[in-house]
N, C-alpha and C. Protein backbone atom coordinates (compact mmCIF):
# COMPACT_ATOMS: atom_id res chain seq x y z
N MET A 1 10.88 -29.04 0.58
CA MET A 1 10.25 -30.31 0.89
C MET A 1 8.73 -30.14 0.87
N SER A 2 8.06 -31.08 0.29
CA SER A 2 6.62 -31.05 0.17
C SER A 2 5.95 -31.22 1.52
N ARG A 3 4.93 -30.43 1.75
CA ARG A 3 4.17 -30.53 2.99
C ARG A 3 2.95 -31.43 2.81
N ILE A 4 2.56 -31.63 1.56
CA ILE A 4 1.46 -32.53 1.24
C ILE A 4 2.08 -33.77 0.62
N SER A 5 2.01 -34.87 1.32
CA SER A 5 2.62 -36.10 0.84
C SER A 5 1.84 -36.69 -0.33
N HIS A 6 2.48 -37.61 -1.02
CA HIS A 6 1.83 -38.32 -2.11
C HIS A 6 0.59 -39.03 -1.59
N ASP A 7 0.70 -39.67 -0.42
CA ASP A 7 -0.44 -40.38 0.16
C ASP A 7 -1.59 -39.43 0.48
N ALA A 8 -1.26 -38.23 0.97
CA ALA A 8 -2.30 -37.24 1.26
C ALA A 8 -3.00 -36.81 -0.02
N MET A 9 -2.25 -36.67 -1.10
CA MET A 9 -2.86 -36.31 -2.39
C MET A 9 -3.79 -37.41 -2.87
N VAL A 10 -3.33 -38.65 -2.81
CA VAL A 10 -4.16 -39.78 -3.24
C VAL A 10 -5.43 -39.85 -2.41
N GLN A 11 -5.28 -39.67 -1.11
CA GLN A 11 -6.43 -39.69 -0.21
C GLN A 11 -7.42 -38.59 -0.58
N ALA A 12 -6.93 -37.39 -0.82
CA ALA A 12 -7.80 -36.26 -1.17
C ALA A 12 -8.53 -36.50 -2.49
N ILE A 13 -7.81 -36.96 -3.49
CA ILE A 13 -8.41 -37.24 -4.79
C ILE A 13 -9.49 -38.30 -4.67
N THR A 14 -9.17 -39.37 -3.96
CA THR A 14 -10.12 -40.47 -3.76
C THR A 14 -11.36 -40.00 -3.02
N GLN A 15 -11.17 -39.23 -1.96
CA GLN A 15 -12.31 -38.74 -1.18
C GLN A 15 -13.22 -37.83 -2.00
N VAL A 16 -12.64 -36.87 -2.69
CA VAL A 16 -13.46 -35.92 -3.44
C VAL A 16 -14.17 -36.61 -4.60
N ARG A 17 -13.49 -37.50 -5.28
CA ARG A 17 -14.13 -38.20 -6.41
C ARG A 17 -15.28 -39.09 -5.94
N ALA A 18 -15.22 -39.58 -4.70
CA ALA A 18 -16.26 -40.45 -4.17
C ALA A 18 -17.46 -39.68 -3.60
N MET A 19 -17.35 -38.37 -3.49
CA MET A 19 -18.41 -37.56 -2.89
C MET A 19 -19.60 -37.39 -3.83
N ASP A 20 -20.78 -37.43 -3.22
CA ASP A 20 -21.98 -37.07 -3.98
C ASP A 20 -22.15 -35.55 -3.90
N SER A 21 -23.16 -35.02 -4.55
CA SER A 21 -23.33 -33.57 -4.61
C SER A 21 -23.57 -32.95 -3.23
N ASN A 22 -24.27 -33.63 -2.34
CA ASN A 22 -24.49 -33.10 -0.99
C ASN A 22 -23.18 -33.04 -0.20
N GLN A 23 -22.36 -34.05 -0.35
CA GLN A 23 -21.07 -34.05 0.35
C GLN A 23 -20.15 -32.95 -0.20
N LYS A 24 -20.17 -32.76 -1.51
CA LYS A 24 -19.36 -31.68 -2.10
C LYS A 24 -19.87 -30.32 -1.64
N GLU A 25 -21.17 -30.19 -1.52
CA GLU A 25 -21.72 -28.93 -1.02
C GLU A 25 -21.26 -28.69 0.42
N GLY A 26 -21.26 -29.72 1.23
CA GLY A 26 -20.76 -29.60 2.60
C GLY A 26 -19.29 -29.21 2.64
N LEU A 27 -18.52 -29.80 1.74
CA LEU A 27 -17.10 -29.45 1.67
C LEU A 27 -16.93 -28.00 1.23
N ALA A 28 -17.76 -27.55 0.30
CA ALA A 28 -17.70 -26.15 -0.14
C ALA A 28 -17.99 -25.21 1.03
N TYR A 29 -18.96 -25.55 1.87
CA TYR A 29 -19.24 -24.74 3.05
C TYR A 29 -18.06 -24.73 4.02
N GLU A 30 -17.42 -25.88 4.16
CA GLU A 30 -16.24 -25.97 5.03
C GLU A 30 -15.11 -25.08 4.49
N ILE A 31 -14.90 -25.12 3.19
CA ILE A 31 -13.87 -24.26 2.58
C ILE A 31 -14.22 -22.79 2.80
N THR A 32 -15.49 -22.45 2.62
CA THR A 32 -15.94 -21.08 2.84
C THR A 32 -15.62 -20.62 4.25
N ARG A 33 -15.80 -21.48 5.20
CA ARG A 33 -15.57 -21.16 6.61
C ARG A 33 -14.08 -21.08 6.95
N ILE A 34 -13.29 -21.99 6.41
CA ILE A 34 -11.89 -22.11 6.82
C ILE A 34 -10.93 -21.35 5.91
N GLN A 35 -11.21 -21.35 4.61
CA GLN A 35 -10.36 -20.64 3.63
C GLN A 35 -11.26 -19.77 2.73
N PRO A 36 -11.90 -18.75 3.30
CA PRO A 36 -12.87 -17.98 2.52
C PRO A 36 -12.28 -17.26 1.31
N HIS A 37 -11.02 -16.87 1.38
CA HIS A 37 -10.41 -16.16 0.24
C HIS A 37 -10.15 -17.11 -0.93
N LEU A 38 -9.76 -18.35 -0.61
CA LEU A 38 -9.61 -19.34 -1.69
C LEU A 38 -10.97 -19.61 -2.33
N PHE A 39 -12.00 -19.72 -1.50
CA PHE A 39 -13.34 -19.94 -2.06
C PHE A 39 -13.79 -18.73 -2.87
N GLY A 40 -13.38 -17.56 -2.45
CA GLY A 40 -13.70 -16.35 -3.20
C GLY A 40 -13.11 -16.38 -4.61
N SER A 41 -11.95 -17.03 -4.76
CA SER A 41 -11.35 -17.18 -6.09
C SER A 41 -12.26 -17.97 -7.02
N PHE A 42 -13.01 -18.87 -6.44
CA PHE A 42 -13.99 -19.63 -7.21
C PHE A 42 -15.23 -18.78 -7.49
N LEU A 43 -15.76 -18.15 -6.47
CA LEU A 43 -17.01 -17.39 -6.61
C LEU A 43 -16.92 -16.25 -7.62
N VAL A 44 -15.78 -15.59 -7.66
CA VAL A 44 -15.64 -14.42 -8.54
C VAL A 44 -15.71 -14.80 -10.02
N GLN A 45 -15.52 -16.05 -10.32
CA GLN A 45 -15.52 -16.49 -11.72
C GLN A 45 -16.83 -16.17 -12.44
N SER A 46 -17.95 -16.28 -11.72
CA SER A 46 -19.24 -15.99 -12.38
C SER A 46 -19.33 -14.52 -12.77
N ARG A 47 -18.75 -13.64 -11.98
CA ARG A 47 -18.73 -12.21 -12.31
C ARG A 47 -17.84 -11.92 -13.51
N LEU A 48 -16.90 -12.81 -13.76
CA LEU A 48 -15.99 -12.65 -14.89
C LEU A 48 -16.54 -13.28 -16.17
N GLY A 49 -17.74 -13.84 -16.09
CA GLY A 49 -18.38 -14.41 -17.26
C GLY A 49 -18.07 -15.88 -17.50
N VAL A 50 -17.47 -16.55 -16.53
CA VAL A 50 -17.13 -17.97 -16.68
C VAL A 50 -18.40 -18.79 -16.50
N SER A 51 -18.60 -19.76 -17.38
CA SER A 51 -19.79 -20.62 -17.30
C SER A 51 -19.71 -21.53 -16.08
N LEU A 52 -20.89 -21.98 -15.63
CA LEU A 52 -20.95 -22.89 -14.48
C LEU A 52 -20.18 -24.18 -14.74
N GLU A 53 -20.25 -24.66 -15.98
CA GLU A 53 -19.54 -25.90 -16.33
C GLU A 53 -18.03 -25.75 -16.12
N LYS A 54 -17.51 -24.60 -16.50
CA LYS A 54 -16.07 -24.37 -16.35
C LYS A 54 -15.70 -24.05 -14.90
N MET A 55 -16.64 -23.44 -14.19
CA MET A 55 -16.40 -23.20 -12.77
C MET A 55 -16.32 -24.51 -11.99
N GLU A 56 -17.03 -25.53 -12.49
CA GLU A 56 -17.01 -26.84 -11.83
C GLU A 56 -15.59 -27.42 -11.81
N PHE A 57 -14.85 -27.22 -12.88
CA PHE A 57 -13.46 -27.68 -12.93
C PHE A 57 -12.64 -27.01 -11.82
N LEU A 58 -12.78 -25.70 -11.69
CA LEU A 58 -12.07 -24.96 -10.65
C LEU A 58 -12.48 -25.43 -9.26
N LEU A 59 -13.77 -25.64 -9.05
CA LEU A 59 -14.26 -26.10 -7.75
C LEU A 59 -13.66 -27.46 -7.41
N ASN A 60 -13.54 -28.33 -8.39
CA ASN A 60 -12.94 -29.64 -8.16
C ASN A 60 -11.47 -29.51 -7.72
N ILE A 61 -10.73 -28.65 -8.39
CA ILE A 61 -9.32 -28.42 -8.01
C ILE A 61 -9.25 -27.84 -6.60
N LEU A 62 -10.13 -26.89 -6.30
CA LEU A 62 -10.17 -26.28 -4.97
C LEU A 62 -10.49 -27.33 -3.91
N CYS A 63 -11.48 -28.16 -4.15
CA CYS A 63 -11.87 -29.19 -3.18
C CYS A 63 -10.73 -30.18 -2.93
N ILE A 64 -10.09 -30.63 -3.98
CA ILE A 64 -8.98 -31.58 -3.82
C ILE A 64 -7.80 -30.92 -3.13
N SER A 65 -7.50 -29.68 -3.46
CA SER A 65 -6.41 -28.96 -2.79
C SER A 65 -6.71 -28.82 -1.30
N PHE A 66 -7.94 -28.46 -0.98
CA PHE A 66 -8.34 -28.30 0.42
C PHE A 66 -8.29 -29.63 1.16
N GLN A 67 -8.80 -30.68 0.54
CA GLN A 67 -8.75 -32.01 1.18
C GLN A 67 -7.31 -32.45 1.39
N ALA A 68 -6.45 -32.14 0.44
CA ALA A 68 -5.03 -32.49 0.57
C ALA A 68 -4.39 -31.73 1.73
N MET A 69 -4.77 -30.46 1.88
CA MET A 69 -4.27 -29.68 3.01
C MET A 69 -4.69 -30.35 4.32
N LYS A 70 -5.95 -30.76 4.40
CA LYS A 70 -6.44 -31.43 5.60
C LYS A 70 -5.72 -32.76 5.83
N ALA A 71 -5.56 -33.53 4.75
CA ALA A 71 -4.93 -34.85 4.87
C ALA A 71 -3.46 -34.76 5.25
N SER A 72 -2.85 -33.60 5.04
CA SER A 72 -1.44 -33.45 5.40
C SER A 72 -1.21 -33.50 6.90
N GLY A 73 -2.26 -33.19 7.68
CA GLY A 73 -2.12 -33.18 9.12
C GLY A 73 -1.47 -31.92 9.66
N LEU A 74 -1.21 -30.97 8.81
CA LEU A 74 -0.56 -29.72 9.22
C LEU A 74 -1.60 -28.64 9.52
N ALA A 75 -1.21 -27.70 10.34
CA ALA A 75 -2.06 -26.55 10.65
C ALA A 75 -1.83 -25.48 9.59
N TRP A 76 -2.79 -25.30 8.72
CA TRP A 76 -2.66 -24.33 7.63
C TRP A 76 -3.25 -23.00 8.07
N PRO A 77 -2.53 -21.93 7.85
CA PRO A 77 -3.08 -20.62 8.21
C PRO A 77 -4.12 -20.17 7.18
N LEU A 78 -4.85 -19.14 7.54
CA LEU A 78 -5.76 -18.53 6.60
C LEU A 78 -4.95 -17.96 5.44
N ILE A 79 -5.33 -18.34 4.23
CA ILE A 79 -4.71 -17.76 3.05
C ILE A 79 -5.45 -16.45 2.79
N THR A 80 -4.72 -15.36 2.83
CA THR A 80 -5.32 -14.02 2.79
C THR A 80 -5.43 -13.51 1.35
N GLU A 81 -6.13 -12.40 1.23
CA GLU A 81 -6.18 -11.73 -0.08
C GLU A 81 -4.79 -11.29 -0.50
N ASP A 82 -3.96 -10.86 0.45
CA ASP A 82 -2.58 -10.50 0.13
C ASP A 82 -1.81 -11.69 -0.41
N ASP A 83 -2.02 -12.87 0.18
CA ASP A 83 -1.37 -14.09 -0.33
C ASP A 83 -1.81 -14.36 -1.76
N LEU A 84 -3.12 -14.24 -2.01
CA LEU A 84 -3.64 -14.46 -3.36
C LEU A 84 -3.04 -13.46 -4.35
N ASP A 85 -3.00 -12.19 -3.95
CA ASP A 85 -2.43 -11.16 -4.83
C ASP A 85 -0.95 -11.41 -5.10
N ARG A 86 -0.21 -11.73 -4.05
CA ARG A 86 1.24 -11.96 -4.19
C ARG A 86 1.53 -13.13 -5.13
N GLN A 87 0.79 -14.23 -4.95
CA GLN A 87 1.03 -15.40 -5.80
C GLN A 87 0.55 -15.15 -7.23
N SER A 88 -0.51 -14.39 -7.38
CA SER A 88 -0.98 -14.05 -8.72
C SER A 88 0.06 -13.22 -9.46
N GLN A 89 0.59 -12.21 -8.80
CA GLN A 89 1.61 -11.37 -9.41
C GLN A 89 2.86 -12.18 -9.74
N ARG A 90 3.23 -13.08 -8.84
CA ARG A 90 4.41 -13.92 -9.05
C ARG A 90 4.21 -14.82 -10.28
N PHE A 91 3.04 -15.45 -10.38
CA PHE A 91 2.78 -16.36 -11.48
C PHE A 91 2.73 -15.61 -12.81
N VAL A 92 2.07 -14.48 -12.84
CA VAL A 92 1.99 -13.68 -14.06
C VAL A 92 3.39 -13.25 -14.50
N ALA A 93 4.23 -12.87 -13.55
CA ALA A 93 5.60 -12.47 -13.89
C ALA A 93 6.39 -13.64 -14.48
N ILE A 94 6.18 -14.83 -13.93
CA ILE A 94 6.86 -16.02 -14.45
C ILE A 94 6.41 -16.31 -15.88
N VAL A 95 5.11 -16.21 -16.12
CA VAL A 95 4.57 -16.47 -17.45
C VAL A 95 5.08 -15.43 -18.44
N LYS A 96 5.06 -14.17 -18.05
CA LYS A 96 5.55 -13.10 -18.94
C LYS A 96 7.03 -13.29 -19.26
N PHE A 97 7.79 -13.71 -18.27
CA PHE A 97 9.22 -13.97 -18.49
C PHE A 97 9.40 -15.02 -19.58
N GLY A 98 8.56 -16.06 -19.54
CA GLY A 98 8.67 -17.14 -20.52
C GLY A 98 8.34 -16.72 -21.94
N TYR A 99 7.50 -15.71 -22.10
CA TYR A 99 7.15 -15.25 -23.45
C TYR A 99 8.36 -14.75 -24.23
N ASP A 100 9.31 -14.17 -23.54
CA ASP A 100 10.47 -13.58 -24.21
C ASP A 100 11.60 -14.57 -24.47
N LEU A 101 11.40 -15.81 -24.08
CA LEU A 101 12.46 -16.81 -24.23
C LEU A 101 12.29 -17.63 -25.50
N SER A 102 13.39 -18.19 -25.96
CA SER A 102 13.31 -19.14 -27.07
C SER A 102 12.61 -20.41 -26.57
N GLU A 103 12.22 -21.25 -27.49
CA GLU A 103 11.52 -22.49 -27.14
C GLU A 103 12.33 -23.34 -26.15
N SER A 104 13.62 -23.52 -26.40
CA SER A 104 14.43 -24.37 -25.51
C SER A 104 14.61 -23.72 -24.14
N LEU A 105 14.80 -22.42 -24.10
CA LEU A 105 14.93 -21.74 -22.81
C LEU A 105 13.61 -21.73 -22.05
N ARG A 106 12.50 -21.60 -22.78
CA ARG A 106 11.19 -21.66 -22.14
C ARG A 106 10.98 -23.04 -21.51
N HIS A 107 11.38 -24.07 -22.24
CA HIS A 107 11.26 -25.43 -21.71
C HIS A 107 12.12 -25.60 -20.45
N GLN A 108 13.34 -25.09 -20.48
CA GLN A 108 14.22 -25.16 -19.31
C GLN A 108 13.63 -24.39 -18.13
N SER A 109 13.06 -23.24 -18.43
CA SER A 109 12.44 -22.43 -17.39
C SER A 109 11.27 -23.17 -16.75
N MET A 110 10.46 -23.83 -17.58
CA MET A 110 9.33 -24.61 -17.05
C MET A 110 9.81 -25.78 -16.21
N GLN A 111 10.88 -26.44 -16.67
CA GLN A 111 11.44 -27.54 -15.88
C GLN A 111 11.96 -27.04 -14.53
N HIS A 112 12.58 -25.89 -14.54
CA HIS A 112 13.08 -25.29 -13.31
C HIS A 112 11.92 -24.94 -12.36
N TYR A 113 10.86 -24.39 -12.92
CA TYR A 113 9.68 -24.04 -12.12
C TYR A 113 9.12 -25.29 -11.44
N VAL A 114 8.96 -26.37 -12.19
CA VAL A 114 8.42 -27.61 -11.64
C VAL A 114 9.38 -28.20 -10.61
N ALA A 115 10.67 -28.23 -10.92
CA ALA A 115 11.66 -28.81 -10.01
C ALA A 115 11.73 -28.05 -8.69
N ASP A 116 11.52 -26.76 -8.73
CA ASP A 116 11.61 -25.95 -7.52
C ASP A 116 10.28 -25.78 -6.79
N HIS A 117 9.20 -26.26 -7.36
CA HIS A 117 7.90 -26.09 -6.73
C HIS A 117 7.83 -26.93 -5.46
N PRO A 118 7.41 -26.34 -4.34
CA PRO A 118 7.41 -27.08 -3.08
C PRO A 118 6.33 -28.16 -2.97
N GLU A 119 5.30 -28.10 -3.78
CA GLU A 119 4.23 -29.11 -3.71
C GLU A 119 4.14 -29.85 -5.05
N LYS A 120 5.11 -30.69 -5.28
CA LYS A 120 5.21 -31.37 -6.57
C LYS A 120 4.02 -32.28 -6.89
N ASP A 121 3.52 -33.00 -5.90
CA ASP A 121 2.39 -33.90 -6.16
C ASP A 121 1.13 -33.12 -6.50
N LEU A 122 0.87 -32.05 -5.75
CA LEU A 122 -0.28 -31.20 -6.06
C LEU A 122 -0.10 -30.56 -7.43
N LEU A 123 1.09 -30.06 -7.70
CA LEU A 123 1.37 -29.44 -9.00
C LEU A 123 1.17 -30.45 -10.13
N ALA A 124 1.69 -31.65 -9.98
CA ALA A 124 1.56 -32.67 -11.03
C ALA A 124 0.09 -33.02 -11.27
N TYR A 125 -0.66 -33.17 -10.19
CA TYR A 125 -2.07 -33.48 -10.33
C TYR A 125 -2.80 -32.36 -11.10
N VAL A 126 -2.55 -31.13 -10.69
CA VAL A 126 -3.23 -30.00 -11.32
C VAL A 126 -2.79 -29.83 -12.77
N GLN A 127 -1.52 -30.06 -13.07
CA GLN A 127 -1.06 -29.98 -14.46
C GLN A 127 -1.79 -30.99 -15.32
N LEU A 128 -1.89 -32.22 -14.85
CA LEU A 128 -2.55 -33.27 -15.61
C LEU A 128 -4.04 -32.98 -15.79
N GLU A 129 -4.70 -32.60 -14.70
CA GLU A 129 -6.13 -32.29 -14.78
C GLU A 129 -6.40 -31.10 -15.70
N THR A 130 -5.54 -30.10 -15.61
CA THR A 130 -5.70 -28.91 -16.46
C THR A 130 -5.51 -29.26 -17.93
N ALA A 131 -4.50 -30.05 -18.24
CA ALA A 131 -4.26 -30.46 -19.63
C ALA A 131 -5.46 -31.25 -20.16
N ASN A 132 -5.99 -32.15 -19.35
CA ASN A 132 -7.16 -32.93 -19.77
C ASN A 132 -8.39 -32.05 -19.94
N TRP A 133 -8.58 -31.10 -19.04
CA TRP A 133 -9.71 -30.17 -19.11
C TRP A 133 -9.64 -29.34 -20.38
N LEU A 134 -8.44 -28.84 -20.69
CA LEU A 134 -8.27 -28.02 -21.89
C LEU A 134 -8.56 -28.80 -23.16
N LYS A 135 -8.32 -30.11 -23.16
CA LYS A 135 -8.62 -30.94 -24.32
C LYS A 135 -10.13 -31.15 -24.49
N ARG A 136 -10.87 -31.11 -23.37
CA ARG A 136 -12.30 -31.40 -23.40
C ARG A 136 -13.18 -30.20 -23.69
N ILE A 137 -12.72 -29.02 -23.41
CA ILE A 137 -13.60 -27.84 -23.46
C ILE A 137 -13.54 -27.15 -24.81
N ALA A 138 -14.56 -26.36 -25.06
CA ALA A 138 -14.55 -25.44 -26.20
C ALA A 138 -13.90 -24.16 -25.69
N PRO A 139 -12.77 -23.78 -26.27
CA PRO A 139 -12.04 -22.62 -25.74
C PRO A 139 -12.86 -21.32 -25.80
N GLU A 140 -12.73 -20.55 -24.73
CA GLU A 140 -13.36 -19.24 -24.62
C GLU A 140 -12.37 -18.28 -23.98
N GLU A 141 -12.59 -17.02 -24.19
CA GLU A 141 -11.72 -15.99 -23.61
C GLU A 141 -11.67 -16.08 -22.08
N THR A 142 -12.79 -16.45 -21.47
CA THR A 142 -12.86 -16.49 -20.00
C THR A 142 -12.08 -17.65 -19.39
N ASP A 143 -11.62 -18.58 -20.19
CA ASP A 143 -10.83 -19.70 -19.66
C ASP A 143 -9.58 -19.22 -18.94
N LYS A 144 -9.06 -18.08 -19.37
CA LYS A 144 -7.85 -17.55 -18.73
C LYS A 144 -8.09 -17.25 -17.26
N TYR A 145 -9.31 -16.85 -16.90
CA TYR A 145 -9.61 -16.56 -15.51
C TYR A 145 -9.61 -17.84 -14.67
N VAL A 146 -10.15 -18.89 -15.24
CA VAL A 146 -10.16 -20.18 -14.56
C VAL A 146 -8.73 -20.68 -14.36
N LEU A 147 -7.93 -20.59 -15.41
CA LEU A 147 -6.55 -21.06 -15.33
C LEU A 147 -5.74 -20.26 -14.32
N LEU A 148 -5.91 -18.96 -14.32
CA LEU A 148 -5.19 -18.14 -13.34
C LEU A 148 -5.61 -18.49 -11.92
N ALA A 149 -6.91 -18.72 -11.71
CA ALA A 149 -7.39 -19.08 -10.38
C ALA A 149 -6.86 -20.44 -9.95
N VAL A 150 -6.82 -21.40 -10.87
CA VAL A 150 -6.29 -22.73 -10.56
C VAL A 150 -4.84 -22.63 -10.10
N TRP A 151 -4.03 -21.94 -10.89
CA TRP A 151 -2.60 -21.85 -10.53
C TRP A 151 -2.40 -21.00 -9.28
N ASN A 152 -3.26 -20.05 -9.06
CA ASN A 152 -3.14 -19.23 -7.86
C ASN A 152 -3.44 -20.07 -6.62
N ILE A 153 -4.44 -20.92 -6.69
CA ILE A 153 -4.75 -21.80 -5.56
C ILE A 153 -3.56 -22.71 -5.27
N VAL A 154 -3.04 -23.34 -6.30
CA VAL A 154 -1.90 -24.25 -6.12
C VAL A 154 -0.71 -23.51 -5.50
N ASN A 155 -0.42 -22.33 -6.01
CA ASN A 155 0.75 -21.60 -5.50
C ASN A 155 0.52 -21.03 -4.10
N CYS A 156 -0.70 -20.65 -3.79
CA CYS A 156 -0.98 -20.20 -2.42
C CYS A 156 -0.80 -21.36 -1.44
N VAL A 157 -1.30 -22.53 -1.78
CA VAL A 157 -1.12 -23.70 -0.92
C VAL A 157 0.37 -24.01 -0.79
N ALA A 158 1.11 -23.90 -1.87
CA ALA A 158 2.53 -24.26 -1.87
C ALA A 158 3.40 -23.28 -1.10
N TYR A 159 3.06 -22.02 -1.13
CA TYR A 159 3.98 -21.02 -0.59
C TYR A 159 3.52 -20.32 0.68
N VAL A 160 2.32 -20.60 1.17
CA VAL A 160 1.89 -19.96 2.41
C VAL A 160 2.73 -20.52 3.56
N PRO A 161 3.27 -19.64 4.41
CA PRO A 161 4.05 -20.12 5.56
C PRO A 161 3.16 -20.86 6.55
N LEU A 162 3.66 -21.97 7.06
CA LEU A 162 2.91 -22.78 8.01
C LEU A 162 3.36 -22.51 9.44
N LYS A 163 2.45 -22.80 10.35
CA LYS A 163 2.79 -22.81 11.77
C LYS A 163 3.59 -24.09 12.03
N SER A 164 4.20 -24.18 13.16
CA SER A 164 5.10 -25.30 13.41
C SER A 164 4.46 -26.53 14.01
N HIS A 165 3.19 -26.50 14.44
CA HIS A 165 2.60 -27.66 15.07
C HIS A 165 1.69 -28.43 14.12
N LYS A 166 1.50 -29.73 14.45
CA LYS A 166 0.66 -30.59 13.63
C LYS A 166 -0.71 -30.73 14.27
N ILE A 167 -1.70 -31.09 13.46
CA ILE A 167 -3.02 -31.41 13.93
C ILE A 167 -3.41 -32.74 13.32
N SER A 168 -4.50 -33.32 13.79
CA SER A 168 -4.93 -34.58 13.21
C SER A 168 -5.51 -34.32 11.82
N ALA A 169 -5.53 -35.36 11.01
CA ALA A 169 -6.04 -35.23 9.65
C ALA A 169 -7.53 -34.89 9.67
N GLN A 170 -8.23 -35.18 10.75
CA GLN A 170 -9.66 -34.90 10.84
C GLN A 170 -9.92 -33.51 11.44
N GLY A 171 -8.91 -32.88 11.98
CA GLY A 171 -9.09 -31.60 12.67
C GLY A 171 -9.33 -30.45 11.73
N ALA A 172 -9.83 -29.37 12.30
CA ALA A 172 -10.05 -28.16 11.52
C ALA A 172 -8.72 -27.48 11.25
N GLN A 173 -8.68 -26.77 10.16
CA GLN A 173 -7.46 -26.08 9.76
C GLN A 173 -7.45 -24.70 10.33
């Protein structure tokens, strides 16, 4: 069952899209304070040779994911480096598995992945945004780092174990 409702996703998307650069900077500081390892996934991109323009796409996904976490009203734990590593290894293994499949089996595997994903609305949003981003950009080798970071953020949000109590949508995570 999804922990981030459709309404929480819509709220997060609407809020982040309406933000000016100062508000986004404030949100980035909040992410740094509350989910520093997720923010680190963004920061490391410059060391990997990713352009600032392409990092902006990742930052947008991170901001919306974080806002959606807040809008869910749930108490989200700190996503650790171990969580990031575990989800990265899991995603890479899933992708590698798909390489060895026929086209129809690969399609079935992707459908299974989507059907079993615990955060379907977040996943759908990120899939659509990623597809649109890939159509707009000039492909570069470093794009793979951005894509891996995007999917890692989504999967960390989806699979991190939650505490059992709720907080207000305005409260700190």
